[in-house]
């Protein structure tokens, strides 16, 4: 082997080693970035879960309010609905629009 080929081989070996060391140094940075992205998505998901849980409670409250007799009577007056009682073996109240 000639002297020039030995120098070329050593230079190539050094370049390969430097590339390998650079890649080894970038892996932890890449892993840290991926972990930070995952943590960010987890936090957004947790926030969304809390929001949806609170929204569910609010919606249940609205449904409960709208099924109260007071609300139904209020809406009947707003929508011009009269309640009349039907006599039968059971006491039943129905609404009709005029």
C-alpha atoms as a PDB file:
ATOM      1  CA  UNK A   1       0.000   0.000   0.000  1.00  0.00           C
ATOM      2  CA  UNK A   2       1.339   3.394  -0.892  1.00  0.00           C
ATOM      3  CA  UNK A   3       1.784   6.246   1.525  1.00  0.00           C
ATOM      4  CA  UNK A   4      -0.965   8.341  -0.145  1.00  0.00           C
ATOM      5  CA  UNK A   5      -3.469   5.495   0.217  1.00  0.00           C
ATOM      6  CA  UNK A   6      -2.636   5.163   3.929  1.00  0.00           C
ATOM      7  CA  UNK A   7      -3.173   8.895   4.493  1.00  0.00           C
ATOM      8  CA  UNK A   8      -6.426   8.769   2.502  1.00  0.00           C
ATOM      9  CA  UNK A   9      -7.590   5.771   4.573  1.00  0.00           C
ATOM     10  CA  UNK A  10      -6.769   7.518   7.857  1.00  0.00           C
ATOM     11  CA  UNK A  11      -8.571  10.680   6.708  1.00  0.00           C
ATOM     12  CA  UNK A  12     -11.635   8.661   5.725  1.00  0.00           C
ATOM     13  CA  UNK A  13     -11.552   6.833   9.061  1.00  0.00           C
ATOM     14  CA  UNK A  14     -11.408  10.131  10.941  1.00  0.00           C
ATOM     15  CA  UNK A  15     -14.344  11.502   8.945  1.00  0.00           C
ATOM     16  CA  UNK A  16     -16.384   8.362   9.656  1.00  0.00           C
ATOM     17  CA  UNK A  17     -15.561   8.589  13.376  1.00  0.00           C
ATOM     18  CA  UNK A  18     -16.533  12.280  13.479  1.00  0.00           C
ATOM     19  CA  UNK A  19     -19.847  11.552  11.738  1.00  0.00           C
ATOM     20  CA  UNK A  20     -20.528   8.704  14.178  1.00  0.00           C
ATOM     21  CA  UNK A  21     -19.726  10.902  17.203  1.00  0.00           C
ATOM     22  CA  UNK A  22     -21.942  13.680  15.809  1.00  0.00           C
ATOM     23  CA  UNK A  23     -24.843  11.262  15.361  1.00  0.00           C
ATOM     24  CA  UNK A  24     -24.312   9.917  18.887  1.00  0.00           C
ATOM     25  CA  UNK A  25     -24.513  13.471  20.228  1.00  0.00           C
ATOM     26  CA  UNK A  26     -27.685  14.246  18.275  1.00  0.00           C
ATOM     27  CA  UNK A  27     -29.624  11.170  19.470  1.00  0.00           C
ATOM     28  CA  UNK A  28     -30.224  12.488  23.030  1.00  0.00           C
ATOM     29  CA  UNK A  29     -31.289  15.883  21.651  1.00  0.00           C
ATOM     30  CA  UNK A  30     -33.708  14.182  19.245  1.00  0.00           C
ATOM     31  CA  UNK A  31     -35.073  11.966  22.046  1.00  0.00           C
ATOM     32  CA  UNK A  32     -35.553  15.021  24.252  1.00  0.00           C
ATOM     33  CA  UNK A  33     -37.473  16.816  21.497  1.00  0.00           C
ATOM     34  CA  UNK A  34     -39.724  13.795  20.922  1.00  0.00           C
ATOM     35  CA  UNK A  35     -40.359  13.466  24.672  1.00  0.00           C
ATOM     36  CA  UNK A  36     -41.208  17.172  24.950  1.00  0.00           C
ATOM     37  CA  UNK A  37     -43.670  16.829  22.050  1.00  0.00           C
ATOM     38  CA  UNK A  38     -45.333  13.835  23.680  1.00  0.00           C
ATOM     39  CA  UNK A  39     -45.555  15.621  27.034  1.00  0.00           C
ATOM     40  CA  UNK A  40     -47.124  18.625  25.329  1.00  0.00           C
ATOM     41  CA  UNK A  41     -49.773  16.435  23.686  1.00  0.00           C
ATOM     42  CA  UNK A  42     -50.456  14.690  27.002  1.00  0.00           C
ATOM     43  CA  UNK A  43     -50.994  18.053  28.736  1.00  0.00           C
ATOM     44  CA  UNK A  44     -53.313  19.236  25.950  1.00  0.00           C
ATOM     45  CA  UNK A  45     -55.275  15.990  26.232  1.00  0.00           C
ATOM     46  CA  UNK A  46     -55.568  16.349  30.014  1.00  0.00           C
ATOM     47  CA  UNK A  47     -56.763  19.934  29.627  1.00  0.00           C
ATOM     48  CA  UNK A  48     -59.297  18.823  27.025  1.00  0.00           C
ATOM     49  CA  UNK A  49     -60.547  16.032  29.312  1.00  0.00           C
ATOM     50  CA  UNK A  50     -61.059  18.507  32.172  1.00  0.00           C
ATOM     51  CA  UNK A  51     -62.860  20.928  29.838  1.00  0.00           C
ATOM     52  CA  UNK A  52     -65.132  18.197  28.496  1.00  0.00           C
ATOM     53  CA  UNK A  53     -65.894  16.938  32.018  1.00  0.00           C
ATOM     54  CA  UNK A  54     -66.872  20.446  33.115  1.00  0.00           C
ATOM     55  CA  UNK A  55     -68.927  20.931  29.944  1.00  0.00           C
ATOM     56  CA  UNK A  56     -70.722  17.637  30.633  1.00  0.00           C
ATOM     57  CA  UNK A  57     -71.674  18.852  34.114  1.00  0.00           C
ATOM     58  CA  UNK A  58     -72.963  22.149  32.695  1.00  0.00           C
ATOM     59  CA  UNK A  59     -75.001  20.333  30.039  1.00  0.00           C
ATOM     60  CA  UNK A  60     -76.493  17.984  32.636  1.00  0.00           C
ATOM     61  CA  UNK A  61     -77.461  21.016  34.703  1.00  0.00           C
ATOM     62  CA  UNK A  62     -79.130  22.646  31.700  1.00  0.00           C
ATOM     63  CA  UNK A  63     -81.041  19.444  30.951  1.00  0.00           C
ATOM     64  CA  UNK A  64     -82.126  19.149  34.580  1.00  0.00           C
ATOM     65  CA  UNK A  65     -83.283  22.771  34.610  1.00  0.00           C
ATOM     66  CA  UNK A  66     -85.249  22.363  31.397  1.00  0.00           C
ATOM     67  CA  UNK A  67     -87.139  19.385  32.741  1.00  0.00           C
ATOM     68  CA  UNK A  68     -88.450  21.180  35.834  1.00  0.00           C
ATOM     69  CA  UNK A  69     -92.146  22.033  35.957  1.00  0.00           C
ATOM     70  CA  UNK A  70     -91.322  25.712  36.471  1.00  0.00           C
ATOM     71  CA  UNK A  71     -89.315  25.869  33.252  1.00  0.00           C
ATOM     72  CA  UNK A  72     -91.978  23.976  31.310  1.00  0.00           C
ATOM     73  CA  UNK A  73     -94.678  26.344  32.530  1.00  0.00           C
ATOM     74  CA  UNK A  74     -92.489  29.346  31.692  1.00  0.00           C
ATOM     75  CA  UNK A  75     -91.892  28.023  28.189  1.00  0.00           C
ATOM     76  CA  UNK A  76     -95.569  27.224  27.785  1.00  0.00           C
ATOM     77  CA  UNK A  77     -96.437  30.857  28.423  1.00  0.00           C
ATOM     78  CA  UNK A  78     -93.702  32.048  26.059  1.00  0.00           C
ATOM     79  CA  UNK A  79     -94.862  29.698  23.304  1.00  0.00           C
ATOM     80  CA  UNK A  80     -98.566  30.258  24.014  1.00  0.00           C
ATOM     81  CA  UNK A  81     -99.277  26.675  25.083  1.00  0.00           C
ATOM     82  CA  UNK A  82    -102.219  25.884  27.392  1.00  0.00           C
ATOM     83  CA  UNK A  83    -102.261  22.914  29.710  1.00  0.00           C
ATOM     84  CA  UNK A  84    -105.553  21.056  30.180  1.00  0.00           C
ATOM     85  CA  UNK A  85    -106.276  18.150  32.424  1.00  0.00           C
ATOM     86  CA  UNK A  86    -107.787  14.993  30.971  1.00  0.00           C
ATOM     87  CA  UNK A  87    -110.091  13.159  33.310  1.00  0.00           C
ATOM     88  CA  UNK A  88    -109.573   9.421  33.331  1.00  0.00           C
ATOM     89  CA  UNK A  89    -108.484   6.861  35.858  1.00  0.00           C
ATOM     90  CA  UNK A  90    -105.178   8.713  35.897  1.00  0.00           C
ATOM     91  CA  UNK A  91    -104.616  12.434  36.196  1.00  0.00           C
ATOM     92  CA  UNK A  92    -102.767  13.430  33.056  1.00  0.00           C
ATOM     93  CA  UNK A  93    -101.823  16.908  31.882  1.00  0.00           C
ATOM     94  CA  UNK A  94    -101.194  17.590  28.198  1.00  0.00           C
ATOM     95  CA  UNK A  95    -100.193  20.689  26.297  1.00  0.00           C
ATOM     96  CA  UNK A  96    -101.688  22.066  23.121  1.00  0.00           C
ATOM     97  CA  UNK A  97    -100.739  25.064  21.041  1.00  0.00           C
ATOM     98  CA  UNK A  98    -103.389  27.678  20.243  1.00  0.00           C
END
